[in-house]
Amino acid sequence: MPRATRVLPSLSHFAVTWALPDDFGGMTSVILRRSAGFAAAGAPVTVLTFDDRLDTPAAVAALRRRGVLADGVDVLHLWDWLASHPLSPSPGVGELAFTPLSPAADEDGRVVETGLDGVVRRRERLGADGAVLQVDRYRPDGSLLVSDRRDVTERGVLGGRSVVVCDGDGVPVRGFTSIWGLYRHWLDLLTAKTRSVVVVDSKTAARFVRGYRRAHVATVHVVHGSHRAGDGEPGRPLKASRREVLERAEQFDAVVVLTERQRRDLAHDLGPAPTLTVVPNAGSLDRLLDAPLRRPADRGVVLASLTDRKRVDHAVAAASAAGVPLEVYGEGPGRLPLQEQIARLGADTRLRGHSPDAPLAFREASFSLLTSTAEGAPLVLLESMAAGCIPIAYDIRYGPSDMIRDGIDGFVVPAGDVEAMAARIRRLVEMPERDRRRMRRAARRSASRFGQARVTAQWGALFADIADRRWPATRTLRARASRGARRLLGRIRPA
């Protein structure tokens, strides 16, 4: 058998995100698919999570059964890992504030308990205003794991922090004056002085990874959404949630955005940066590419969380005005207003709720609608096009105009213009069947540019370049991987 082309340098690979929620959306899907692509190319990935979820092992097992978590991709959860991996003692731990909670109500607050399988796994001490002043976490056997006090400066008032990790007997062994200190210590233990690359997608987690500088670790931040406030148009300020990270983007070895348009905008907003690069999202398209081209012309679909940012009410209004049925997959706080809108309009729209197999709806729908206020590079557009489901999308920052050639493989309409979207739906429904089929084929060809192998090769070229900068003594080895990635990129052409 011919030897496989190496496309990723020989590094340890970690993907950092905050959580793996049950009803995860685009960003988590991208992380898992990207990791699957790395693993398929011979580079196993460890996904790291930090949230307070108590049933992570069961959730991971469910993902594995569903085939969402590929072979070669593991998940480690901080608190579960600490429960089974004793930390070495550190001097000075006895000087930190250590006041473990008891089940009884505290004199200056109240204690709330959370359990799993009949065992208390977390206690929280809340202040009079509801602020969390202390969190104690416990192992499955009930022993104290971590006591995290957040009112060290003045009891009852947020200020100062003491994070104390205990052994199996509840005795303090290691302490930190910030939670980020514990997170970074965990990364130190996992990377174990081995040359590694840490890719962080979550903007929450990116705040502590940004300051994680180790000689043996390269860090990469992926920006999934628009970095600008509001509609993302020029002149808008950076989003508050993005400012802290992106204004110090040079502390990462690379900042990855999903489209060339956003790279240009970010360079304009923050100044040119050699670490700013473009790597698009990859799609797992196997279940979609063989969808039949012939299907009812007037069947529409939306895959989106039911939130204000997604503006699903615009999609409902456009489909209703065009007189066509629409199916909406997703959940969120906007469900009740949508139900009221559907009743008011008499719209032929069905709310299908959240479904992990929702992308399969693209196989049968004629068109999809995307009405968000802003995006990064919507995975739903890629999935829709791969299935030959013609996308009709608002011209927002970012994604639609980068992925759709208007009138060839989909339609792009002015952002917020419901009437224009309804007109495009009518145009699609009324065009000759041969023209719709031509657009479906073109959409599939466009989607093939974002196949998993091709995008993995782009990641390989980026990592090889980073390795050349960080570890020049091994440039020859890195260059070999870089050449392999570029050869593969040259062979993979859109169908």
Protein backbone atom coordinates (compact mmCIF):
# COMPACT_ATOMS: atom_id res chain seq x y z
CA MET A 1 0.00 0.00 0.00
CA PRO A 2 1.29 3.51 -0.74
CA ARG A 3 2.47 5.50 2.25
CA ALA A 4 -0.05 8.12 3.38
CA THR A 5 0.95 11.74 2.86
CA ARG A 6 1.72 13.45 6.14
CA VAL A 7 -0.30 16.67 6.37
CA LEU A 8 0.08 17.53 10.09
CA PRO A 9 3.37 18.03 11.94
CA SER A 10 4.29 15.58 14.70
CA LEU A 11 2.82 17.52 17.63
CA SER A 12 0.42 16.79 20.46
CA HIS A 13 -2.94 18.30 19.53
CA PHE A 14 -5.42 19.81 22.00
CA ALA A 15 -8.77 21.49 21.31
CA VAL A 16 -9.96 23.79 24.09
CA THR A 17 -13.60 24.72 24.51
CA TRP A 18 -15.67 25.57 27.53
CA ALA A 19 -18.26 22.79 27.33
CA LEU A 20 -19.90 20.12 25.18
CA PRO A 21 -23.62 20.87 25.67
CA ASP A 22 -26.24 18.30 24.70
CA ASP A 23 -27.88 20.63 22.21
CA PHE A 24 -24.64 21.97 20.78
CA GLY A 25 -24.61 24.07 17.65
CA GLY A 26 -22.20 25.18 14.97
CA MET A 27 -19.04 25.93 16.95
CA THR A 28 -18.99 22.62 18.80
CA SER A 29 -19.83 20.76 15.59
CA VAL A 30 -16.85 22.44 13.93
CA ILE A 31 -14.53 21.49 16.80
CA LEU A 32 -15.55 17.83 16.67
CA ARG A 33 -15.36 17.65 12.87
CA ARG A 34 -12.01 19.39 12.73
CA SER A 35 -10.69 17.02 15.41
CA ALA A 36 -12.03 14.03 13.46
CA GLY A 37 -10.17 15.29 10.40
CA PHE A 38 -6.93 15.57 12.37
CA ALA A 39 -7.38 12.07 13.79
CA ALA A 40 -8.09 10.66 10.33
CA ALA A 41 -4.80 12.23 9.19
CA GLY A 42 -2.91 10.42 11.96
CA ALA A 43 -2.93 13.18 14.60
CA PRO A 44 -5.09 12.23 17.64
CA VAL A 45 -6.80 15.15 19.41
CA THR A 46 -7.72 15.68 23.05
CA VAL A 47 -10.68 17.99 23.61
CA LEU A 48 -10.54 19.85 26.94
CA THR A 49 -13.63 21.19 28.76
CA PHE A 50 -13.93 23.26 31.95
CA ASP A 51 -17.63 23.68 32.77
CA ASP A 52 -19.52 22.51 35.86
CA ARG A 53 -21.25 19.60 34.17
CA LEU A 54 -21.45 16.54 36.44
CA ASP A 55 -22.25 13.86 33.85
CA THR A 56 -19.53 14.48 31.27
CA PRO A 57 -18.48 10.78 31.02
CA ALA A 58 -22.07 9.75 30.18
CA ALA A 59 -22.40 12.61 27.68
CA VAL A 60 -19.14 11.64 25.98
CA ALA A 61 -20.25 8.01 25.77
CA ALA A 62 -23.48 9.15 24.12
CA LEU A 63 -21.55 11.20 21.56
CA ARG A 64 -19.38 8.17 20.84
CA ARG A 65 -22.45 5.97 20.28
CA ARG A 66 -23.95 8.53 17.90
CA GLY A 67 -20.74 8.61 15.89
CA VAL A 68 -20.26 12.32 16.60
CA LEU A 69 -17.03 11.68 18.50
CA ALA A 70 -14.59 10.00 16.13
CA ASP A 71 -11.95 7.40 16.91
CA GLY A 72 -8.76 9.18 17.84
CA VAL A 73 -10.62 12.04 19.55
CA ASP A 74 -10.76 11.98 23.35
CA VAL A 75 -12.46 14.34 25.78
CA LEU A 76 -11.04 15.35 29.16
CA HIS A 77 -13.10 17.35 31.64
CA LEU A 78 -11.09 19.33 34.18
CA TRP A 79 -12.99 18.37 37.32
CA ASP A 80 -13.35 14.70 36.38
CA TRP A 81 -9.63 14.54 35.56
CA LEU A 82 -8.64 16.13 38.87
CA ALA A 83 -10.83 13.65 40.75
CA SER A 84 -8.71 10.74 39.52
CA HIS A 85 -5.27 12.38 39.14
CA PRO A 86 -3.67 13.50 42.44
CA LEU A 87 -1.66 16.70 42.20
CA SER A 88 1.78 17.02 43.70
CA PRO A 89 1.91 19.17 46.86
CA SER A 90 3.00 22.77 46.55
CA PRO A 91 4.54 24.98 49.24
CA GLY A 92 2.42 27.79 50.59
CA VAL A 93 -0.93 26.07 50.16
CA GLY A 94 -1.49 26.46 53.90
CA GLU A 95 -1.36 30.23 53.55
CA LEU A 96 -4.46 30.36 51.34
CA ALA A 97 -7.99 30.84 52.67
CA PHE A 98 -9.52 27.39 53.16
CA THR A 99 -12.99 27.23 54.70
CA PRO A 100 -14.85 24.19 53.31
CA LEU A 101 -18.61 24.40 53.24
CA SER A 102 -20.98 22.32 55.29
CA PRO A 103 -24.58 21.44 54.36
CA ALA A 104 -25.94 23.98 56.85
CA ALA A 105 -26.78 27.53 55.82
CA ASP A 106 -23.82 29.87 56.18
CA GLU A 107 -24.02 32.82 58.54
CA ASP A 108 -23.65 35.32 55.69
CA GLY A 109 -25.32 33.48 52.87
CA ARG A 110 -27.01 30.26 51.88
CA VAL A 111 -25.63 26.97 50.63
CA VAL A 112 -27.06 25.24 47.55
CA GLU A 113 -26.21 21.61 46.86
CA THR A 114 -26.10 19.73 43.56
CA GLY A 115 -25.83 15.96 43.43
CA LEU A 116 -25.45 13.04 41.05
CA ASP A 117 -26.34 9.41 41.77
CA GLY A 118 -27.21 10.26 45.35
CA VAL A 119 -23.88 11.95 46.12
CA VAL A 120 -23.39 15.68 46.70
CA ARG A 121 -20.96 16.81 44.00
CA ARG A 122 -21.07 20.59 44.41
CA ARG A 123 -21.96 23.12 47.08
CA GLU A 124 -22.31 26.84 46.37
CA ARG A 125 -22.39 29.62 48.94
CA LEU A 126 -24.49 32.53 47.67
CA GLY A 127 -24.48 36.11 48.91
CA ALA A 128 -27.56 38.14 49.71
CA ASP A 129 -27.59 39.43 46.12
CA GLY A 130 -27.29 35.92 44.66
CA ALA A 131 -23.59 36.25 43.80
CA VAL A 132 -21.62 33.00 44.02
CA LEU A 133 -19.10 33.54 46.82
CA GLN A 134 -17.73 30.01 47.07
CA VAL A 135 -17.91 26.73 45.17
CA ASP A 136 -16.79 23.41 46.67
CA ARG A 137 -16.55 20.40 44.36
CA TYR A 138 -16.52 16.75 45.44
CA ARG A 139 -15.38 13.44 44.01
CA PRO A 140 -17.87 10.68 43.19
CA ASP A 141 -17.05 9.14 46.59
CA GLY A 142 -18.06 12.37 48.35
CA SER A 143 -14.57 13.54 49.34
CA LEU A 144 -13.68 17.21 48.91
CA LEU A 145 -11.87 17.86 45.61
CA VAL A 146 -11.63 21.66 45.27
CA SER A 147 -12.68 24.56 47.44
CA ASP A 148 -12.93 27.76 45.42
CA ARG A 149 -13.54 30.81 47.60
CA ARG A 150 -14.19 34.14 45.89
CA ASP A 151 -14.61 36.56 48.82
CA VAL A 152 -11.14 36.36 50.32
CA THR A 153 -10.57 40.10 50.73
CA GLU A 154 -13.78 40.69 52.69
CA ARG A 155 -16.12 37.87 53.58
CA GLY A 156 -19.49 38.26 51.91
CA VAL A 157 -18.14 40.59 49.21
CA LEU A 158 -16.66 39.38 45.91
CA GLY A 159 -12.93 40.06 45.85
CA GLY A 160 -9.78 37.98 46.00
CA ARG A 161 -9.71 34.29 45.22
CA SER A 162 -8.41 31.11 46.80
CA VAL A 163 -8.62 27.86 44.81
CA VAL A 164 -7.46 24.90 46.90
CA VAL A 165 -7.18 21.37 45.48
CA CYS A 166 -7.40 18.54 48.00
CA ASP A 167 -6.27 14.92 48.13
CA GLY A 168 -8.61 11.98 48.64
CA ASP A 169 -8.77 12.69 52.38
CA GLY A 170 -9.80 16.31 51.85
CA VAL A 171 -6.37 17.66 52.81
CA PRO A 172 -5.15 20.69 50.80
CA VAL A 173 -2.23 19.85 48.51
CA ARG A 174 -2.09 22.66 45.96
CA GLY A 175 -3.48 26.17 45.75
CA PHE A 176 -3.95 29.03 43.31
CA THR A 177 -4.91 32.67 43.70
CA SER A 178 -6.88 32.61 40.43
CA ILE A 179 -8.91 29.99 38.60
CA TRP A 180 -6.83 30.68 35.51
CA GLY A 181 -3.81 29.53 37.46
CA LEU A 182 -5.43 26.13 37.92
CA TYR A 183 -6.45 25.95 34.26
CA ARG A 184 -2.93 26.72 33.08
CA HIS A 185 -1.43 24.25 35.53
CA TRP A 186 -3.68 21.57 34.01
CA LEU A 187 -2.42 22.44 30.53
CA ASP A 188 1.15 22.16 31.85
CA LEU A 189 0.43 18.67 33.17
CA LEU A 190 -1.25 17.51 29.95
CA THR A 191 1.33 18.89 27.54
CA ALA A 192 4.11 17.56 29.79
CA LYS A 193 6.85 19.59 28.06
CA THR A 194 6.00 17.88 24.77
CA ARG A 195 5.74 20.10 21.73
CA SER A 196 2.03 20.75 21.40
CA VAL A 197 -0.51 22.94 19.69
CA VAL A 198 -3.57 24.18 21.57
CA VAL A 199 -6.48 25.36 19.42
CA VAL A 200 -9.08 27.32 21.37
CA ASP A 201 -12.47 28.09 19.83
CA SER A 202 -14.46 29.30 22.84
CA LYS A 203 -14.11 33.04 23.41
CA THR A 204 -14.53 32.34 27.14
CA ALA A 205 -11.64 29.88 27.23
CA ALA A 206 -9.56 32.08 24.91
CA ARG A 207 -9.23 34.64 27.72
CA PHE A 208 -6.96 32.39 29.78
CA VAL A 209 -5.29 30.59 26.88
CA ARG A 210 -4.20 33.98 25.52
CA GLY A 211 -1.80 34.39 28.44
CA TYR A 212 -0.57 30.81 28.36
CA ARG A 213 2.97 31.13 27.05
CA ARG A 214 5.19 28.06 27.21
CA ALA A 215 8.27 27.28 25.13
CA HIS A 216 6.85 23.92 24.10
CA VAL A 217 3.26 25.01 23.32
CA ALA A 218 1.84 26.95 20.36
CA THR A 219 -1.60 28.51 20.78
CA VAL A 220 -4.17 29.24 18.07
CA HIS A 221 -7.49 31.05 18.51
CA VAL A 222 -10.35 30.48 16.06
CA VAL A 223 -12.86 33.34 15.76
CA HIS A 224 -16.25 31.85 14.87
CA GLY A 225 -18.49 34.91 14.76
CA SER A 226 -18.33 38.52 13.74
CA HIS A 227 -15.86 40.50 15.83
CA ARG A 228 -17.81 43.72 15.45
CA ALA A 229 -20.85 44.83 17.42
CA GLY A 230 -24.30 45.06 15.91
CA ASP A 231 -24.52 44.13 12.25
CA GLY A 232 -20.74 44.03 11.83
CA GLU A 233 -20.63 46.85 9.31
CA PRO A 234 -17.55 49.14 9.04
CA GLY A 235 -17.25 51.65 11.86
CA ARG A 236 -18.81 49.38 14.42
CA PRO A 237 -16.68 48.85 17.56
CA LEU A 238 -15.34 45.48 18.64
CA LYS A 239 -17.81 43.39 20.61
CA ALA A 240 -17.15 43.64 24.33
CA SER A 241 -16.84 39.86 24.49
CA ARG A 242 -14.11 39.96 21.80
CA ARG A 243 -12.16 43.05 22.82
CA GLU A 244 -10.07 41.57 25.63
CA VAL A 245 -8.79 38.75 23.44
CA LEU A 246 -8.48 40.36 20.01
CA GLU A 247 -6.80 43.55 21.17
CA ARG A 248 -3.97 41.33 22.38
CA ALA A 249 -4.15 38.85 19.53
CA GLU A 250 -0.37 38.90 19.10
CA GLN A 251 -0.12 36.72 22.21
CA PHE A 252 -1.42 33.81 20.13
CA ASP A 253 0.81 32.11 17.58
CA ALA A 254 -2.07 32.46 15.12
CA VAL A 255 -5.57 33.91 15.06
CA VAL A 256 -7.75 32.09 12.54
CA VAL A 257 -10.84 33.56 10.92
CA LEU A 258 -13.12 31.69 8.57
CA THR A 259 -13.30 34.06 5.58
CA GLU A 260 -10.99 36.39 3.70
CA ARG A 261 -13.50 39.20 4.11
CA GLN A 262 -13.25 39.00 7.90
CA ARG A 263 -9.46 38.81 7.76
CA ARG A 264 -9.41 42.08 5.85
CA ASP A 265 -11.88 43.69 8.26
CA LEU A 266 -9.98 42.52 11.33
CA ALA A 267 -6.68 43.78 9.89
CA HIS A 268 -8.37 47.14 9.23
CA ASP A 269 -9.81 47.32 12.76
CA LEU A 270 -6.70 46.21 14.68
CA GLY A 271 -3.87 46.79 12.24
CA PRO A 272 -2.01 44.23 10.09
CA ALA A 273 -0.91 41.15 12.02
CA PRO A 274 1.31 38.37 10.66
CA THR A 275 -0.47 35.87 12.89
CA LEU A 276 -3.89 36.52 11.29
CA THR A 277 -4.85 33.86 8.76
CA VAL A 278 -7.86 32.20 7.10
CA VAL A 279 -8.83 28.55 7.46
CA PRO A 280 -12.47 27.79 6.57
CA ASN A 281 -14.77 25.44 8.41
CA ALA A 282 -14.76 21.86 7.22
CA GLY A 283 -17.90 19.85 6.69
CA SER A 284 -18.60 16.20 7.25
CA LEU A 285 -20.56 15.92 4.03
CA ASP A 286 -20.72 12.19 3.32
CA ARG A 287 -24.37 11.86 4.34
CA LEU A 288 -25.37 14.84 2.18
CA LEU A 289 -23.53 14.67 -1.14
CA ASP A 290 -25.59 11.77 -2.49
CA ALA A 291 -28.96 13.45 -1.89
CA PRO A 292 -31.30 13.20 -4.92
CA LEU A 293 -31.40 16.26 -7.13
CA ARG A 294 -35.10 15.85 -7.85
CA ARG A 295 -37.33 17.01 -5.00
CA PRO A 296 -40.41 19.22 -4.50
CA ALA A 297 -39.54 22.78 -5.54
CA ASP A 298 -41.40 24.55 -2.74
CA ARG A 299 -40.06 22.85 0.40
CA GLY A 300 -37.96 25.13 2.65
CA VAL A 301 -35.95 24.52 5.79
CA VAL A 302 -34.17 26.54 8.50
CA LEU A 303 -31.58 25.21 10.94
CA ALA A 304 -30.95 27.80 13.65
CA SER A 305 -31.23 28.42 17.36
CA LEU A 306 -34.40 30.36 18.15
CA THR A 307 -32.69 33.55 19.31
CA ASP A 308 -32.85 37.21 18.33
CA ARG A 309 -29.51 36.96 16.50
CA LYS A 310 -30.86 34.31 14.11
CA ARG A 311 -34.02 36.30 13.20
CA VAL A 312 -35.98 33.16 12.37
CA ASP A 313 -39.12 35.32 12.37
CA HIS A 314 -37.81 36.85 9.12
CA ALA A 315 -37.60 33.38 7.55
CA VAL A 316 -41.14 32.56 8.67
CA ALA A 317 -42.44 35.85 7.25
CA ALA A 318 -40.61 35.39 3.92
CA ALA A 319 -41.83 31.81 3.43
CA SER A 320 -45.35 32.81 4.35
CA ALA A 321 -45.29 35.73 1.89
CA ALA A 322 -44.05 33.36 -0.82
CA GLY A 323 -46.80 30.88 0.04
CA VAL A 324 -44.50 27.91 0.65
CA PRO A 325 -44.13 25.48 3.57
CA LEU A 326 -41.17 25.81 5.94
CA GLU A 327 -39.68 23.51 8.56
CA VAL A 328 -37.58 25.01 11.37
CA TYR A 329 -35.10 22.92 13.36
CA GLY A 330 -33.79 24.47 16.56
CA GLU A 331 -34.75 25.52 20.06
CA GLY A 332 -34.41 28.64 22.16
CA PRO A 333 -36.21 31.46 23.94
CA GLY A 334 -37.84 32.64 20.71
CA ARG A 335 -40.06 29.59 20.33
CA LEU A 336 -43.23 31.10 21.86
CA PRO A 337 -43.06 34.36 19.82
CA LEU A 338 -42.55 32.26 16.68
CA GLN A 339 -45.60 30.14 17.50
CA GLU A 340 -47.64 33.32 17.90
CA GLN A 341 -46.30 34.70 14.60
CA ILE A 342 -47.10 31.48 12.76
CA ALA A 343 -50.66 31.53 14.10
CA ARG A 344 -51.09 35.21 13.25
CA LEU A 345 -49.87 34.78 9.67
CA GLY A 346 -51.55 31.43 9.13
CA ALA A 347 -48.12 30.31 7.92
CA ASP A 348 -47.47 26.74 6.82
CA THR A 349 -44.47 26.49 9.18
CA ARG A 350 -43.58 23.67 11.54
CA LEU A 351 -41.23 24.05 14.50
CA ARG A 352 -39.38 20.74 14.73
CA GLY A 353 -37.27 21.50 17.81
CA HIS A 354 -33.67 20.45 18.31
CA SER A 355 -32.50 17.31 16.54
CA PRO A 356 -28.91 16.03 16.25
CA ASP A 357 -29.78 14.75 12.77
CA ALA A 358 -31.29 18.04 11.59
CA PRO A 359 -28.75 18.45 8.72
CA LEU A 360 -30.37 15.45 7.01
CA ALA A 361 -33.38 17.70 6.38
CA PHE A 362 -31.29 19.37 3.66
CA ARG A 363 -31.50 16.14 1.63
CA GLU A 364 -35.22 16.62 1.05
CA ALA A 365 -35.68 20.40 1.15
CA SER A 366 -35.51 22.48 -2.02
CA PHE A 367 -34.05 25.55 -0.36
CA SER A 368 -32.72 26.80 2.97
CA LEU A 369 -33.00 30.24 4.55
CA LEU A 370 -30.39 32.06 6.62
CA THR A 371 -31.52 35.31 8.26
CA SER A 372 -28.93 35.97 11.01
CA THR A 373 -27.71 39.43 11.97
CA ALA A 374 -24.06 38.28 11.81
CA GLU A 375 -22.09 35.03 11.49
CA GLY A 376 -18.57 33.72 10.98
CA ALA A 377 -18.95 31.15 8.22
CA PRO A 378 -22.21 29.30 8.85
CA LEU A 379 -21.82 25.55 8.81
CA VAL A 380 -25.47 25.25 7.82
CA LEU A 381 -24.70 26.96 4.50
CA LEU A 382 -22.02 24.38 3.72
CA GLU A 383 -24.29 21.49 4.69
CA SER A 384 -27.19 22.89 2.70
CA MET A 385 -25.09 23.33 -0.44
CA ALA A 386 -23.53 19.86 -0.09
CA ALA A 387 -27.03 18.36 -0.16
CA GLY A 388 -28.03 20.38 -3.22
CA CYS A 389 -30.42 22.40 -1.08
CA ILE A 390 -30.19 25.89 -2.57
CA PRO A 391 -29.37 28.53 0.07
CA ILE A 392 -31.11 31.90 0.19
CA ALA A 393 -29.24 34.07 2.69
CA TYR A 394 -29.02 37.61 3.95
CA ASP A 395 -25.85 39.40 2.84
CA ILE A 396 -24.36 39.68 6.33
CA ARG A 397 -20.87 39.65 7.73
CA TYR A 398 -19.64 36.98 7.39
CA GLY A 399 -20.19 33.89 5.25
CA PRO A 400 -22.95 34.11 2.67
CA SER A 401 -21.18 36.29 0.09
CA ASP A 402 -17.95 34.33 0.67
CA MET A 403 -19.62 30.99 0.00
CA ILE A 404 -22.53 31.72 -2.39
CA ARG A 405 -22.29 32.91 -6.01
CA ASP A 406 -25.56 34.74 -6.37
CA GLY A 407 -27.81 33.17 -8.99
CA ILE A 408 -25.38 30.30 -9.66
CA ASP A 409 -25.33 28.10 -6.54
CA GLY A 410 -27.67 30.09 -4.31
CA PHE A 411 -29.06 33.56 -3.66
CA VAL A 412 -27.83 36.45 -1.52
CA VAL A 413 -30.33 39.20 -0.67
CA PRO A 414 -29.94 42.49 1.23
CA ALA A 415 -29.74 41.92 4.98
CA GLY A 416 -33.08 42.38 6.71
CA ASP A 417 -35.10 42.60 3.48
CA VAL A 418 -37.91 40.09 4.01
CA GLU A 419 -39.63 41.06 0.74
CA ALA A 420 -36.44 40.42 -1.25
CA MET A 421 -36.10 37.01 0.37
CA ALA A 422 -39.72 36.16 -0.44
CA ALA A 423 -39.13 37.23 -4.05
CA ARG A 424 -36.10 34.93 -4.31
CA ILE A 425 -38.12 32.03 -2.94
CA ARG A 426 -40.80 32.63 -5.57
CA ARG A 427 -38.15 32.89 -8.31
CA LEU A 428 -36.64 29.56 -7.27
CA VAL A 429 -40.00 27.79 -7.07
CA GLU A 430 -41.11 29.10 -10.47
CA MET A 431 -37.91 28.46 -12.44
CA PRO A 432 -37.74 25.44 -14.78
CA GLU A 433 -36.72 22.18 -13.14
CA ARG A 434 -33.56 21.94 -15.28
CA ASP A 435 -32.39 25.31 -13.93
CA ARG A 436 -32.97 24.24 -10.32
CA ARG A 437 -30.99 21.07 -10.95
CA ARG A 438 -28.18 23.11 -12.45
CA MET A 439 -28.08 25.24 -9.29
CA ARG A 440 -28.15 22.14 -7.07
CA ARG A 441 -25.13 20.70 -8.90
CA ALA A 442 -23.31 24.00 -8.67
CA ALA A 443 -24.01 24.17 -4.93
CA ARG A 444 -22.50 20.71 -4.45
CA ARG A 445 -19.38 21.70 -6.38
CA SER A 446 -18.99 24.79 -4.24
CA ALA A 447 -19.37 22.77 -1.04
CA SER A 448 -16.59 20.41 -2.14
CA ARG A 449 -14.09 23.24 -1.59
CA PHE A 450 -14.68 22.80 2.12
CA GLY A 451 -14.27 19.03 2.36
CA GLN A 452 -12.61 17.68 5.47
CA ALA A 453 -9.38 16.43 3.83
CA ARG A 454 -8.77 19.73 2.06
CA VAL A 455 -9.32 21.84 5.18
CA THR A 456 -7.18 19.50 7.30
CA ALA A 457 -4.36 20.03 4.81
CA GLN A 458 -4.75 23.79 5.28
CA TRP A 459 -4.43 23.34 9.04
CA GLY A 460 -1.33 21.23 8.43
CA ALA A 461 0.29 24.00 6.41
CA LEU A 462 -0.50 26.53 9.17
CA PHE A 463 0.89 24.32 11.94
CA ALA A 464 4.04 23.65 9.93
CA ASP A 465 4.60 27.38 9.53
CA ILE A 466 4.04 27.95 13.26
CA ALA A 467 6.47 25.14 14.10
CA ASP A 468 9.09 26.71 11.85
CA ARG A 469 8.79 29.96 13.81
CA ARG A 470 8.61 28.41 17.27
CA TRP A 471 11.08 25.54 16.90
CA PRO A 472 13.45 26.37 14.02
CA ALA A 473 15.89 23.62 15.00
CA THR A 474 13.40 21.09 13.63
CA ARG A 475 12.58 23.03 10.48
CA THR A 476 13.42 20.15 8.17
CA LEU A 477 10.87 17.85 9.81
CA ARG A 478 8.23 20.59 9.81
CA ALA A 479 8.90 21.47 6.20
CA ARG A 480 8.32 17.85 5.24
CA ALA A 481 4.84 18.01 6.75
CA SER A 482 4.23 21.39 5.13
CA ARG A 483 5.20 20.03 1.72
CA GLY A 484 2.89 17.06 2.25
CA ALA A 485 0.00 19.38 3.15
CA ARG A 486 0.59 21.53 0.11
CA ARG A 487 0.84 18.51 -2.20
CA LEU A 488 -2.49 17.27 -0.86
CA LEU A 489 -4.04 20.70 -1.32
CA GLY A 490 -2.85 20.68 -4.90
CA ARG A 491 -4.47 17.29 -5.55
CA ILE A 492 -7.82 18.07 -3.96
CA ARG A 493 -9.78 20.16 -6.42
CA PRO A 494 -13.48 21.03 -6.41
CA ALA A 495 -15.48 18.43 -8.33
